[in-house]
């Protein structure tokens, strides 16, 4: 399971880096990723 999660995270990071062209865009992408991770953690802890 950890290997799968690591692979998914790596692909998301690659997509994120490919999709943002500026420092501002990078910050927005990191915020969005953080929100998604928090939502997933909240769903898992219910």
C-alpha atoms as a PDB file:
ATOM      1  CA  UNK A   1       0.000   0.000   0.000  1.00  0.00           C
ATOM      2  CA  UNK A   2       2.815   2.419   0.826  1.00  0.00           C
ATOM      3  CA  UNK A   3       4.489   1.764  -2.512  1.00  0.00           C
ATOM      4  CA  UNK A   4       1.225   2.550  -4.315  1.00  0.00           C
ATOM      5  CA  UNK A   5       0.715   5.757  -2.316  1.00  0.00           C
ATOM      6  CA  UNK A   6       4.299   6.799  -3.011  1.00  0.00           C
ATOM      7  CA  UNK A   7       3.825   6.229  -6.754  1.00  0.00           C
ATOM      8  CA  UNK A   8       0.607   8.244  -6.785  1.00  0.00           C
ATOM      9  CA  UNK A   9       2.292  11.070  -4.897  1.00  0.00           C
ATOM     10  CA  UNK A  10       5.216  11.095  -7.301  1.00  0.00           C
ATOM     11  CA  UNK A  11       2.924  11.258 -10.347  1.00  0.00           C
ATOM     12  CA  UNK A  12       0.948  14.095  -8.740  1.00  0.00           C
ATOM     13  CA  UNK A  13       4.150  16.008  -8.086  1.00  0.00           C
ATOM     14  CA  UNK A  14       5.303  15.512 -11.679  1.00  0.00           C
ATOM     15  CA  UNK A  15       1.952  16.763 -12.968  1.00  0.00           C
ATOM     16  CA  UNK A  16       2.053  19.706 -10.585  1.00  0.00           C
ATOM     17  CA  UNK A  17       5.551  20.764 -11.646  1.00  0.00           C
ATOM     18  CA  UNK A  18       4.647  20.412 -15.308  1.00  0.00           C
ATOM     19  CA  UNK A  19       1.479  22.463 -14.854  1.00  0.00           C
ATOM     20  CA  UNK A  20       2.786  25.544 -13.056  1.00  0.00           C
ATOM     21  CA  UNK A  21       4.947  28.102 -14.779  1.00  0.00           C
ATOM     22  CA  UNK A  22       5.408  30.713 -12.069  1.00  0.00           C
ATOM     23  CA  UNK A  23       6.196  30.874  -8.364  1.00  0.00           C
ATOM     24  CA  UNK A  24       2.654  32.078  -7.750  1.00  0.00           C
ATOM     25  CA  UNK A  25       1.242  29.157  -9.696  1.00  0.00           C
ATOM     26  CA  UNK A  26       3.452  26.783  -7.729  1.00  0.00           C
ATOM     27  CA  UNK A  27       2.115  28.183  -4.454  1.00  0.00           C
ATOM     28  CA  UNK A  28      -1.467  27.706  -5.583  1.00  0.00           C
ATOM     29  CA  UNK A  29      -0.718  24.142  -6.652  1.00  0.00           C
ATOM     30  CA  UNK A  30       0.869  23.354  -3.278  1.00  0.00           C
ATOM     31  CA  UNK A  31      -2.149  24.800  -1.468  1.00  0.00           C
ATOM     32  CA  UNK A  32      -4.526  22.726  -3.562  1.00  0.00           C
ATOM     33  CA  UNK A  33      -2.493  19.580  -2.910  1.00  0.00           C
ATOM     34  CA  UNK A  34      -2.478  20.333   0.822  1.00  0.00           C
ATOM     35  CA  UNK A  35      -6.246  20.754   0.883  1.00  0.00           C
ATOM     36  CA  UNK A  36      -6.757  17.457  -0.944  1.00  0.00           C
ATOM     37  CA  UNK A  37      -4.450  15.681   1.503  1.00  0.00           C
ATOM     38  CA  UNK A  38      -6.317  17.160   4.483  1.00  0.00           C
ATOM     39  CA  UNK A  39      -9.666  16.104   3.022  1.00  0.00           C
ATOM     40  CA  UNK A  40      -8.390  12.568   2.471  1.00  0.00           C
ATOM     41  CA  UNK A  41      -7.055  12.417   6.030  1.00  0.00           C
ATOM     42  CA  UNK A  42     -10.368  13.685   7.416  1.00  0.00           C
ATOM     43  CA  UNK A  43     -12.303  11.054   5.454  1.00  0.00           C
ATOM     44  CA  UNK A  44      -9.959   8.344   6.677  1.00  0.00           C
ATOM     45  CA  UNK A  45     -10.274   9.393  10.348  1.00  0.00           C
ATOM     46  CA  UNK A  46     -14.076   9.320  10.417  1.00  0.00           C
END
